[in-house]
Amino acid sequence: MTPQAAYDELIKLRKELIVFGSIGSVLGWDQRTYMPAGGSKHRAAQLALVAGMSHEKATHPRIGELLKAVEGSDLLKDPAAAAAVNVREIRREYDREVKLPRALVEELSRTTSEAYDVWVAARKENDFAPFKPWLEKVVKLVREQADCYGWKACRYDALLDGYEPGATTAEITALFGPLQRELTELVAKITHSGKCPPQKILNSEYPVDAQEDFCRETAAALGFDFNSGRLDTTTHPFCSGIGPGDTRLTTRYNPKSFSDAFFGTLHEAGHGIYDQGLDAAHYGTPMGEAVGLGIHESQSRFFENFVGRSRAFWKRMMPRARKFFPRALGRTGLDDLYFAVNDSKPSFIRVESDEATYNLHIILRFEMEQALINGDLKAGDVPGAWNERFRKLLGLKVPDDARGCLQDVHWSGGGIGYFPTYTLGNLYAAQFFHAADRELGGLDEMIAHGDFEPLKKWLNKKIHRQGMRFRSNKLCQEVTGETLSHRFLMDHLNTKFTELYELQ
């Protein structure tokens, strides 16, 4: 068999695997949106079967044979070419997956599917106790998963690598250290500034039907294509890229709050714009997939914060917002609304927190996940440990489990290792925004005129259509000319909040 023939067969098998895996994505999306509660056990069985079959396909010996037949050939002489990238990433995936027994894959899928429904009920009832045994099961299985993968410095590295390929706990700890110190200083200055934005503006009467229409209109204006996507509601918002022509956003509405659904929708729309921006011609191969969750998160935070919370954005969107919500915003001025959407103060809920405090929420979870996986923290002790760490980081006494350790969906789904990518996303977003502003000649003016197309095209070309050509940090260097640094984010936050809160 020639290297080209081996490569062609390898890509054919990989595309079949990804299409098969998208079936599980549809089942997961339905579970979190429209599935009746009574179907949870049957859905768990469905997802476990799909996960097991996907694992069997991904670890078939034929893939190993084809990789050996093509590796070292002239077909891969250019490391940045599509063939070389695809083979490199398929090899990485294959080497990881063959280490996992199918029984573990199915058990993890079944357990997390059932744990999700228990989490939803526990969060609603504000009671950690029913979720405790399920978290214990999930942590046990995820630890087994990490040990199957293998690790050198720490077990957490094996899990982190699944979400941010190539990243290590030590590297992220070194990056988060100075960020935490500078954020803590900034938050203290804001707290002691004595200034308080007119937050009541955002906590008024916001009819859900008007919110839905405004969210859809704004997401479309930013570049999300509703001919190839949709927007639905769920308990914990997410975006699911099912495949070319099918990207699904979710949000949650609160008739007494503007920010929950609106900024949540902008966040998920950023993810969706990335998924829709991937090269469909490479669907099913690494060249048609996101490089990692840190870069993926950078796109959601880019549109949610760097665009959606900017003065330029509200200069453009204020007239439309008044038309949708005349009672709440009819007499509101631009300066007041801009200040309100950038209100900064320690709060309990991560997804509702502001730009200055958000990453402290992530650092808490990053530390707790390591403790859980290393065995230094038992699942049953999570509420107490959470509350104590939260008090130290954000200075607040957590009033209940729903606003504490039960607020996030990730641990019910086995997503341990995922949380650090949120802060990585914020760091990448700041650096990308700085580069785009420089290269496009001033983003504020474009945003103020509602001209989002040049920005979308820049992101498509520089990031989305690169697929997995580069690892995240290398992509950052290619796009911005510098390695990832916390400096860009802190410059952005210090500039914005010094102006808003008149800091010294």
Protein backbone atom coordinates (compact mmCIF):
# COMPACT_ATOMS: atom_id res chain seq x y z
CA MET A 1 0.00 0.00 0.00
CA THR A 2 1.34 3.42 -0.94
CA PRO A 3 1.51 6.18 1.67
CA GLN A 4 -1.15 8.10 -0.28
CA ALA A 5 -3.52 5.14 -0.31
CA ALA A 6 -2.94 4.61 3.40
CA TYR A 7 -3.59 8.28 4.10
CA ASP A 8 -6.80 8.27 2.06
CA GLU A 9 -8.13 5.25 3.95
CA LEU A 10 -7.10 6.79 7.26
CA ILE A 11 -9.03 9.99 6.51
CA LYS A 12 -12.05 7.98 5.38
CA LEU A 13 -12.13 6.11 8.69
CA ARG A 14 -11.60 9.31 10.68
CA LYS A 15 -14.49 11.05 8.94
CA GLU A 16 -16.76 8.09 9.61
CA LEU A 17 -15.78 8.22 13.28
CA ILE A 18 -16.57 11.93 13.59
CA VAL A 19 -19.94 11.56 11.86
CA PHE A 20 -20.77 8.68 14.20
CA GLY A 21 -19.69 10.77 17.19
CA SER A 22 -22.01 13.58 16.11
CA ILE A 23 -24.92 11.24 16.82
CA GLY A 24 -23.91 11.35 20.47
CA SER A 25 -23.75 15.13 20.26
CA VAL A 26 -27.37 15.29 19.11
CA LEU A 27 -28.44 12.96 21.92
CA GLY A 28 -26.56 15.09 24.45
CA TRP A 29 -28.05 18.32 23.13
CA ASP A 30 -31.56 16.85 23.29
CA GLN A 31 -31.00 15.64 26.85
CA ARG A 32 -30.14 19.15 27.97
CA THR A 33 -32.93 20.91 26.08
CA TYR A 34 -36.13 18.98 25.24
CA MET A 35 -35.88 15.43 26.58
CA PRO A 36 -38.49 14.62 29.27
CA ALA A 37 -36.98 13.90 32.68
CA GLY A 38 -38.34 10.38 32.63
CA GLY A 39 -36.09 9.44 29.73
CA SER A 40 -32.82 9.91 31.60
CA LYS A 41 -31.96 6.24 32.21
CA HIS A 42 -32.76 5.23 28.65
CA ARG A 43 -30.75 8.18 27.33
CA ALA A 44 -27.84 7.12 29.53
CA ALA A 45 -27.95 3.67 27.94
CA GLN A 46 -28.07 5.20 24.46
CA LEU A 47 -25.11 7.48 25.12
CA ALA A 48 -23.09 4.67 26.72
CA LEU A 49 -23.63 2.49 23.65
CA VAL A 50 -22.63 5.29 21.27
CA ALA A 51 -19.57 6.09 23.39
CA GLY A 52 -18.51 2.44 23.42
CA MET A 53 -18.97 2.04 19.67
CA SER A 54 -17.11 5.30 19.00
CA HIS A 55 -14.25 4.11 21.19
CA GLU A 56 -14.13 0.81 19.32
CA LYS A 57 -13.95 2.62 16.00
CA ALA A 58 -11.31 5.05 17.28
CA THR A 59 -9.05 2.27 18.54
CA HIS A 60 -9.44 -0.22 15.69
CA PRO A 61 -6.04 -1.81 14.88
CA ARG A 62 -6.46 -0.77 11.25
CA ILE A 63 -5.92 2.86 12.25
CA GLY A 64 -2.60 1.95 13.83
CA GLU A 65 -1.57 0.07 10.70
CA LEU A 66 -2.45 2.98 8.43
CA LEU A 67 -0.59 5.46 10.64
CA LYS A 68 2.56 3.32 10.43
CA ALA A 69 2.19 3.09 6.66
CA VAL A 70 2.08 6.86 6.19
CA GLU A 71 4.41 8.13 8.95
CA GLY A 72 7.89 9.00 7.75
CA SER A 73 6.78 9.33 4.14
CA ASP A 74 7.30 12.32 1.86
CA LEU A 75 3.57 13.00 2.18
CA LEU A 76 4.29 14.52 5.59
CA LYS A 77 7.49 16.42 4.81
CA ASP A 78 5.82 19.81 5.33
CA PRO A 79 4.77 19.76 9.04
CA ALA A 80 2.26 22.61 8.51
CA ALA A 81 0.50 20.95 5.56
CA ALA A 82 -2.95 19.43 6.05
CA ALA A 83 -1.76 15.84 5.68
CA ALA A 84 0.98 16.23 8.28
CA VAL A 85 -1.35 17.97 10.73
CA ASN A 86 -4.04 15.33 10.30
CA VAL A 87 -1.65 12.42 10.80
CA ARG A 88 0.00 14.08 13.81
CA GLU A 89 -3.32 14.66 15.57
CA ILE A 90 -4.86 11.31 14.64
CA ARG A 91 -1.74 9.62 16.05
CA ARG A 92 -2.10 11.60 19.27
CA GLU A 93 -5.78 10.67 19.60
CA TYR A 94 -5.15 7.03 18.77
CA ASP A 95 -2.32 6.69 21.27
CA ARG A 96 -4.55 8.16 24.00
CA GLU A 97 -7.69 6.20 23.18
CA VAL A 98 -6.07 2.75 22.93
CA LYS A 99 -5.07 3.12 26.56
CA LEU A 100 -8.72 3.19 27.66
CA PRO A 101 -10.71 -0.04 28.01
CA ARG A 102 -14.13 0.09 26.39
CA ALA A 103 -15.78 -0.85 29.69
CA LEU A 104 -14.38 2.30 31.33
CA VAL A 105 -15.50 4.48 28.42
CA GLU A 106 -19.05 3.12 28.59
CA GLU A 107 -19.22 3.32 32.37
CA LEU A 108 -18.00 6.92 32.36
CA SER A 109 -20.59 7.85 29.72
CA ARG A 110 -23.40 6.07 31.55
CA THR A 111 -22.46 7.52 34.93
CA THR A 112 -22.09 11.11 33.72
CA SER A 113 -25.35 10.94 31.82
CA GLU A 114 -27.22 9.88 34.96
CA ALA A 115 -25.20 12.26 37.13
CA TYR A 116 -26.29 15.18 34.96
CA ASP A 117 -29.96 14.64 35.79
CA VAL A 118 -29.16 14.23 39.49
CA TRP A 119 -27.15 17.47 39.36
CA VAL A 120 -30.05 19.35 37.74
CA ALA A 121 -32.40 18.21 40.51
CA ALA A 122 -29.87 18.83 43.30
CA ARG A 123 -29.18 22.33 42.02
CA LYS A 124 -32.89 23.06 41.82
CA GLU A 125 -33.44 21.77 45.38
CA ASN A 126 -30.29 23.52 46.61
CA ASP A 127 -28.99 20.31 48.20
CA PHE A 128 -25.55 18.79 47.59
CA ALA A 129 -26.36 15.53 49.41
CA PRO A 130 -28.10 13.70 46.50
CA PHE A 131 -25.26 14.64 44.15
CA LYS A 132 -22.47 13.57 46.54
CA PRO A 133 -22.40 9.83 45.66
CA TRP A 134 -22.49 10.67 41.96
CA LEU A 135 -19.60 13.08 42.25
CA GLU A 136 -17.68 10.35 44.07
CA LYS A 137 -18.36 7.96 41.20
CA VAL A 138 -17.36 10.52 38.57
CA VAL A 139 -14.11 11.42 40.33
CA LYS A 140 -13.22 7.75 40.76
CA LEU A 141 -13.79 7.03 37.07
CA VAL A 142 -11.94 10.15 35.90
CA ARG A 143 -8.96 9.23 38.07
CA GLU A 144 -8.97 5.79 36.44
CA GLN A 145 -9.11 7.49 33.06
CA ALA A 146 -6.11 9.68 33.91
CA ASP A 147 -4.10 6.70 35.12
CA CYS A 148 -4.86 4.84 31.90
CA TYR A 149 -3.54 7.77 29.89
CA GLY A 150 -0.47 7.97 32.08
CA TRP A 151 1.26 11.04 33.46
CA LYS A 152 4.66 12.26 34.63
CA ALA A 153 4.46 15.31 36.87
CA CYS A 154 0.87 15.04 38.13
CA ARG A 155 -2.34 13.13 37.37
CA TYR A 156 -4.18 16.33 36.44
CA ASP A 157 -1.90 16.77 33.41
CA ALA A 158 -3.45 13.72 31.77
CA LEU A 159 -6.93 15.26 31.99
CA LEU A 160 -5.90 18.78 31.06
CA ASP A 161 -4.27 17.45 27.90
CA GLY A 162 -7.67 16.29 26.68
CA TYR A 163 -9.00 19.85 26.64
CA GLU A 164 -5.86 21.88 25.98
CA PRO A 165 -3.40 19.63 24.10
CA GLY A 166 0.17 20.07 25.25
CA ALA A 167 -0.62 22.24 28.27
CA THR A 168 0.64 21.28 31.73
CA THR A 169 -0.52 22.06 35.23
CA ALA A 170 2.84 23.67 36.03
CA GLU A 171 2.65 26.03 33.05
CA ILE A 172 -0.88 27.12 33.88
CA THR A 173 -0.06 27.58 37.55
CA ALA A 174 2.85 29.84 36.58
CA LEU A 175 0.56 31.85 34.28
CA PHE A 176 -2.27 32.13 36.81
CA GLY A 177 -0.04 33.22 39.70
CA PRO A 178 0.71 36.81 38.63
CA LEU A 179 -2.77 37.10 37.14
CA GLN A 180 -4.36 36.28 40.51
CA ARG A 181 -2.17 38.80 42.35
CA GLU A 182 -2.95 41.64 39.95
CA LEU A 183 -6.66 40.80 39.79
CA THR A 184 -6.90 40.77 43.58
CA GLU A 185 -5.33 44.23 43.70
CA LEU A 186 -7.68 45.57 41.01
CA VAL A 187 -10.79 44.11 42.65
CA ALA A 188 -9.78 45.66 45.99
CA LYS A 189 -9.40 49.08 44.35
CA ILE A 190 -12.81 48.80 42.71
CA THR A 191 -14.43 47.69 45.96
CA HIS A 192 -12.99 50.65 47.84
CA SER A 193 -13.71 53.19 45.10
CA GLY A 194 -17.12 54.03 46.53
CA LYS A 195 -18.65 54.17 43.05
CA CYS A 196 -21.64 52.02 42.15
CA PRO A 197 -23.26 51.77 38.71
CA PRO A 198 -27.05 52.02 38.33
CA GLN A 199 -27.52 48.25 38.41
CA LYS A 200 -31.30 48.53 38.73
CA ILE A 201 -31.34 49.29 35.01
CA LEU A 202 -30.55 45.66 34.27
CA ASN A 203 -32.87 44.23 36.93
CA SER A 204 -36.18 45.52 35.66
CA GLU A 205 -38.97 44.16 33.45
CA TYR A 206 -37.48 42.31 30.46
CA PRO A 207 -40.16 40.21 28.74
CA VAL A 208 -38.74 36.85 27.70
CA ASP A 209 -40.13 37.00 24.15
CA ALA A 210 -38.46 40.38 23.59
CA GLN A 211 -35.21 39.05 25.08
CA GLU A 212 -35.27 36.10 22.72
CA ASP A 213 -35.81 38.34 19.67
CA PHE A 214 -33.09 40.77 20.73
CA CYS A 215 -30.63 37.96 21.45
CA ARG A 216 -31.25 36.40 18.05
CA GLU A 217 -30.93 39.71 16.23
CA THR A 218 -27.68 40.58 17.99
CA ALA A 219 -26.10 37.14 17.51
CA ALA A 220 -26.93 37.38 13.80
CA ALA A 221 -25.44 40.88 13.59
CA LEU A 222 -22.18 39.60 15.06
CA GLY A 223 -22.00 36.90 12.41
CA PHE A 224 -23.83 33.80 13.69
CA ASP A 225 -25.70 32.20 10.78
CA PHE A 226 -29.19 31.10 11.84
CA ASN A 227 -29.69 29.33 8.54
CA SER A 228 -27.11 26.88 9.90
CA GLY A 229 -27.93 27.19 13.59
CA ARG A 230 -30.57 27.67 16.25
CA LEU A 231 -31.06 29.07 19.77
CA ASP A 232 -32.83 27.16 22.55
CA THR A 233 -33.06 27.20 26.34
CA THR A 234 -31.40 24.99 28.96
CA THR A 235 -30.32 24.90 32.61
CA HIS A 236 -26.64 25.65 31.94
CA PRO A 237 -26.01 27.34 28.55
CA PHE A 238 -23.74 25.67 26.02
CA CYS A 239 -22.99 25.51 22.30
CA SER A 240 -23.02 22.25 20.37
CA GLY A 241 -21.36 22.09 16.97
CA ILE A 242 -23.10 19.05 15.53
CA GLY A 243 -21.47 19.39 12.11
CA PRO A 244 -21.39 21.57 9.00
CA GLY A 245 -24.67 23.48 8.75
CA ASP A 246 -25.79 22.53 12.27
CA THR A 247 -24.53 24.61 15.21
CA ARG A 248 -26.82 24.92 18.22
CA LEU A 249 -26.74 27.64 20.85
CA THR A 250 -28.57 27.60 24.17
CA THR A 251 -29.25 30.24 26.80
CA ARG A 252 -31.51 30.82 29.80
CA TYR A 253 -33.93 33.72 30.34
CA ASN A 254 -34.77 35.66 33.47
CA PRO A 255 -37.67 38.15 33.05
CA LYS A 256 -36.16 40.27 35.83
CA SER A 257 -32.64 40.38 34.42
CA PHE A 258 -31.22 41.57 31.11
CA SER A 259 -27.68 40.28 31.49
CA ASP A 260 -28.28 36.56 32.05
CA ALA A 261 -29.59 35.71 28.62
CA PHE A 262 -28.03 38.51 26.59
CA PHE A 263 -24.39 38.07 27.55
CA GLY A 264 -24.87 34.31 27.77
CA THR A 265 -26.08 34.35 24.18
CA LEU A 266 -23.15 36.50 23.02
CA HIS A 267 -20.83 34.05 24.76
CA GLU A 268 -22.32 30.99 23.07
CA ALA A 269 -22.59 32.84 19.76
CA GLY A 270 -18.81 33.33 19.91
CA HIS A 271 -18.42 29.56 20.20
CA GLY A 272 -20.90 29.13 17.38
CA ILE A 273 -19.13 31.59 15.09
CA TYR A 274 -15.93 29.57 15.61
CA ASP A 275 -17.71 26.29 14.78
CA GLN A 276 -19.33 27.82 11.70
CA GLY A 277 -15.98 29.32 10.70
CA LEU A 278 -14.18 25.97 10.58
CA ASP A 279 -13.32 24.80 7.09
CA ALA A 280 -16.20 22.49 6.09
CA ALA A 281 -14.04 20.95 3.36
CA HIS A 282 -11.91 19.47 6.16
CA TYR A 283 -14.82 18.29 8.30
CA GLY A 284 -14.01 15.04 10.03
CA THR A 285 -10.28 15.73 10.13
CA PRO A 286 -8.16 17.69 12.62
CA MET A 287 -7.70 20.45 10.02
CA GLY A 288 -11.44 21.07 10.30
CA GLU A 289 -11.54 21.12 14.10
CA ALA A 290 -10.81 23.59 16.90
CA VAL A 291 -7.26 23.52 18.22
CA GLY A 292 -8.30 23.39 21.87
CA LEU A 293 -10.86 24.65 24.33
CA GLY A 294 -8.71 27.61 25.38
CA ILE A 295 -8.83 29.02 21.85
CA HIS A 296 -12.50 28.08 21.57
CA GLU A 297 -13.21 29.92 24.79
CA SER A 298 -11.27 32.93 23.50
CA GLN A 299 -13.88 33.36 20.78
CA SER A 300 -16.81 33.32 23.19
CA ARG A 301 -15.14 35.77 25.59
CA PHE A 302 -14.05 37.90 22.64
CA PHE A 303 -17.65 38.56 21.61
CA GLU A 304 -19.15 38.56 25.12
CA ASN A 305 -16.67 40.97 26.71
CA PHE A 306 -14.31 42.69 24.30
CA VAL A 307 -17.13 43.43 21.86
CA GLY A 308 -20.34 43.09 23.89
CA ARG A 309 -19.28 45.11 26.94
CA SER A 310 -17.52 47.87 25.01
CA ARG A 311 -18.78 51.45 24.82
CA ALA A 312 -18.60 51.28 21.03
CA PHE A 313 -20.95 48.29 20.98
CA TRP A 314 -23.59 50.01 23.10
CA LYS A 315 -23.27 53.21 21.12
CA ARG A 316 -24.47 51.07 18.20
CA MET A 317 -26.97 48.82 20.00
CA MET A 318 -28.60 51.29 22.41
CA PRO A 319 -31.32 52.46 19.99
CA ARG A 320 -32.29 48.85 19.22
CA ALA A 321 -32.29 47.91 22.90
CA ARG A 322 -34.66 50.79 23.67
CA LYS A 323 -37.09 49.59 21.00
CA PHE A 324 -37.13 46.05 22.41
CA PHE A 325 -37.35 47.15 26.06
CA PRO A 326 -38.99 50.60 26.14
CA ARG A 327 -40.14 50.35 29.78
CA ALA A 328 -36.75 49.32 31.14
CA LEU A 329 -34.43 51.31 28.85
CA GLY A 330 -36.57 54.03 27.28
CA ARG A 331 -35.03 56.81 29.37
CA THR A 332 -31.64 55.24 30.02
CA GLY A 333 -28.53 57.04 28.79
CA LEU A 334 -25.55 55.39 27.10
CA ASP A 335 -23.14 56.15 29.94
CA ASP A 336 -25.43 54.62 32.54
CA LEU A 337 -26.02 51.45 30.54
CA TYR A 338 -22.34 51.08 29.72
CA PHE A 339 -21.44 51.41 33.39
CA ALA A 340 -24.20 48.98 34.40
CA VAL A 341 -23.10 46.19 32.04
CA ASN A 342 -19.57 46.60 33.41
CA ASP A 343 -20.56 46.55 37.07
CA SER A 344 -17.75 44.92 39.02
CA LYS A 345 -18.13 43.39 42.44
CA PRO A 346 -17.53 39.94 43.94
CA SER A 347 -20.50 37.66 43.30
CA PHE A 348 -21.39 34.00 43.73
CA ILE A 349 -22.21 32.80 40.21
CA ARG A 350 -19.33 32.34 37.77
CA VAL A 351 -21.33 32.78 34.57
CA GLU A 352 -22.82 36.03 35.89
CA SER A 353 -19.55 37.46 37.20
CA ASP A 354 -17.80 40.47 35.69
CA GLU A 355 -14.53 40.66 33.80
CA ALA A 356 -12.46 41.66 36.83
CA THR A 357 -13.64 38.86 39.15
CA TYR A 358 -14.37 36.06 36.68
CA ASN A 359 -10.92 34.51 36.62
CA LEU A 360 -10.83 34.25 40.41
CA HIS A 361 -13.79 31.86 40.06
CA ILE A 362 -11.74 29.77 37.64
CA ILE A 363 -8.64 29.73 39.82
CA LEU A 364 -10.77 28.36 42.68
CA ARG A 365 -12.04 25.50 40.50
CA PHE A 366 -8.58 24.82 39.06
CA GLU A 367 -7.18 24.35 42.57
CA MET A 368 -10.12 22.21 43.73
CA GLU A 369 -9.96 19.94 40.70
CA GLN A 370 -6.31 19.21 41.34
CA ALA A 371 -7.09 18.39 44.97
CA LEU A 372 -9.94 16.05 43.94
CA ILE A 373 -7.85 14.20 41.38
CA ASN A 374 -4.77 13.98 43.59
CA GLY A 375 -6.87 12.56 46.43
CA ASP A 376 -6.25 15.53 48.73
CA LEU A 377 -9.96 16.42 48.73
CA LYS A 378 -12.86 14.00 49.08
CA ALA A 379 -16.03 14.57 47.07
CA GLY A 380 -18.06 14.76 50.27
CA ASP A 381 -15.91 17.62 51.52
CA VAL A 382 -16.41 19.74 48.40
CA PRO A 383 -19.06 22.14 49.82
CA GLY A 384 -16.97 23.09 52.85
CA ALA A 385 -13.74 23.39 50.86
CA TRP A 386 -15.53 25.44 48.21
CA ASN A 387 -16.99 27.85 50.73
CA GLU A 388 -13.69 28.39 52.50
CA ARG A 389 -11.71 28.97 49.29
CA PHE A 390 -14.43 31.26 47.97
CA ARG A 391 -14.28 33.40 51.11
CA LYS A 392 -10.51 33.75 50.79
CA LEU A 393 -10.54 34.57 47.08
CA LEU A 394 -13.65 36.70 46.76
CA GLY A 395 -14.42 37.72 50.31
CA LEU A 396 -17.98 36.39 50.36
CA LYS A 397 -19.74 33.86 52.55
CA VAL A 398 -21.48 31.35 50.27
CA PRO A 399 -25.14 31.16 51.35
CA ASP A 400 -26.12 27.81 49.82
CA ASP A 401 -25.02 24.97 47.53
CA ALA A 402 -26.88 26.27 44.47
CA ARG A 403 -24.82 29.44 44.58
CA GLY A 404 -21.77 27.44 45.55
CA CYS A 405 -20.44 24.07 44.45
CA LEU A 406 -23.59 23.04 42.53
CA GLN A 407 -23.66 25.96 40.12
CA ASP A 408 -21.60 24.37 37.30
CA VAL A 409 -22.50 21.40 35.12
CA HIS A 410 -18.92 20.32 34.37
CA TRP A 411 -18.22 17.89 37.20
CA SER A 412 -21.46 16.00 36.60
CA GLY A 413 -20.24 15.45 33.04
CA GLY A 414 -16.76 14.32 34.02
CA GLY A 415 -15.23 17.53 32.64
CA ILE A 416 -12.41 17.74 35.15
CA GLY A 417 -9.51 19.56 33.49
CA TYR A 418 -11.88 21.81 31.55
CA PHE A 419 -12.09 24.86 33.83
CA PRO A 420 -8.58 26.32 33.25
CA THR A 421 -9.43 26.78 29.57
CA TYR A 422 -11.88 29.54 30.50
CA THR A 423 -9.12 31.76 31.86
CA LEU A 424 -6.80 30.74 29.05
CA GLY A 425 -9.61 31.88 26.76
CA ASN A 426 -9.76 35.28 28.42
CA LEU A 427 -6.00 35.69 28.02
CA TYR A 428 -6.06 34.64 24.37
CA ALA A 429 -9.09 36.87 23.68
CA ALA A 430 -7.31 39.96 25.02
CA GLN A 431 -4.24 39.25 22.92
CA PHE A 432 -6.29 38.52 19.79
CA PHE A 433 -8.36 41.68 20.22
CA HIS A 434 -5.19 43.75 20.51
CA ALA A 435 -3.81 42.19 17.30
CA ALA A 436 -7.08 42.60 15.38
CA ASP A 437 -7.38 46.22 16.49
CA ARG A 438 -3.86 46.89 15.22
CA GLU A 439 -4.26 45.09 11.90
CA LEU A 440 -7.79 46.24 11.04
CA GLY A 441 -7.10 49.86 11.92
CA GLY A 442 -9.34 50.46 14.92
CA LEU A 443 -12.07 48.06 16.04
CA ASP A 444 -14.00 50.59 18.12
CA GLU A 445 -15.01 52.59 15.07
CA MET A 446 -16.08 49.45 13.18
CA ILE A 447 -18.08 48.18 16.14
CA ALA A 448 -19.74 51.57 16.68
CA HIS A 449 -20.92 51.48 13.04
CA GLY A 450 -22.13 47.88 13.31
CA ASP A 451 -19.56 46.74 10.76
CA PHE A 452 -18.66 43.32 12.17
CA GLU A 453 -17.85 41.61 8.88
CA PRO A 454 -14.14 42.61 8.70
CA LEU A 455 -13.63 41.30 12.23
CA LYS A 456 -15.39 38.03 11.48
CA LYS A 457 -13.30 37.53 8.33
CA TRP A 458 -10.12 38.27 10.32
CA LEU A 459 -11.05 35.66 12.92
CA ASN A 460 -12.01 33.16 10.21
CA LYS A 461 -8.69 33.54 8.44
CA LYS A 462 -6.35 33.87 11.40
CA ILE A 463 -7.93 31.38 13.80
CA HIS A 464 -10.94 29.36 12.67
CA ARG A 465 -9.71 28.01 9.35
CA GLN A 466 -6.32 27.13 10.80
CA GLY A 467 -7.98 24.11 12.38
CA MET A 468 -5.40 22.21 14.44
CA ARG A 469 -2.45 23.30 12.31
CA PHE A 470 -0.79 24.81 15.38
CA ARG A 471 -0.99 24.12 19.10
CA SER A 472 -2.73 26.91 20.99
CA ASN A 473 0.33 28.81 22.14
CA LYS A 474 1.94 28.51 18.71
CA LEU A 475 -1.26 29.80 17.11
CA CYS A 476 -1.16 32.74 19.50
CA GLN A 477 2.40 33.50 18.36
CA GLU A 478 1.40 33.22 14.70
CA VAL A 479 -1.59 35.57 15.15
CA THR A 480 -0.17 38.12 17.58
CA GLY A 481 3.60 37.81 17.28
CA GLU A 482 3.96 37.02 21.00
CA THR A 483 3.58 34.09 23.37
CA LEU A 484 0.58 34.08 25.68
CA SER A 485 0.81 36.66 28.46
CA HIS A 486 -1.51 37.96 31.16
CA ARG A 487 -0.34 41.50 30.33
CA PHE A 488 -2.89 42.16 27.57
CA LEU A 489 -5.85 41.16 29.72
CA MET A 490 -4.65 43.19 32.68
CA ASP A 491 -4.00 46.23 30.46
CA HIS A 492 -7.56 45.94 29.16
CA LEU A 493 -9.08 45.54 32.65
CA ASN A 494 -7.00 48.30 34.26
CA THR A 495 -7.84 50.75 31.48
CA LYS A 496 -11.56 50.02 31.52
CA PHE A 497 -12.12 49.93 35.26
CA THR A 498 -9.81 52.83 36.07
CA GLU A 499 -12.01 54.99 33.84
CA LEU A 500 -15.33 53.63 35.10
CA TYR A 501 -14.49 53.65 38.80
CA GLU A 502 -12.09 56.63 38.72
CA LEU A 503 -9.33 54.59 40.29
CA GLN A 504 -6.07 56.14 41.41
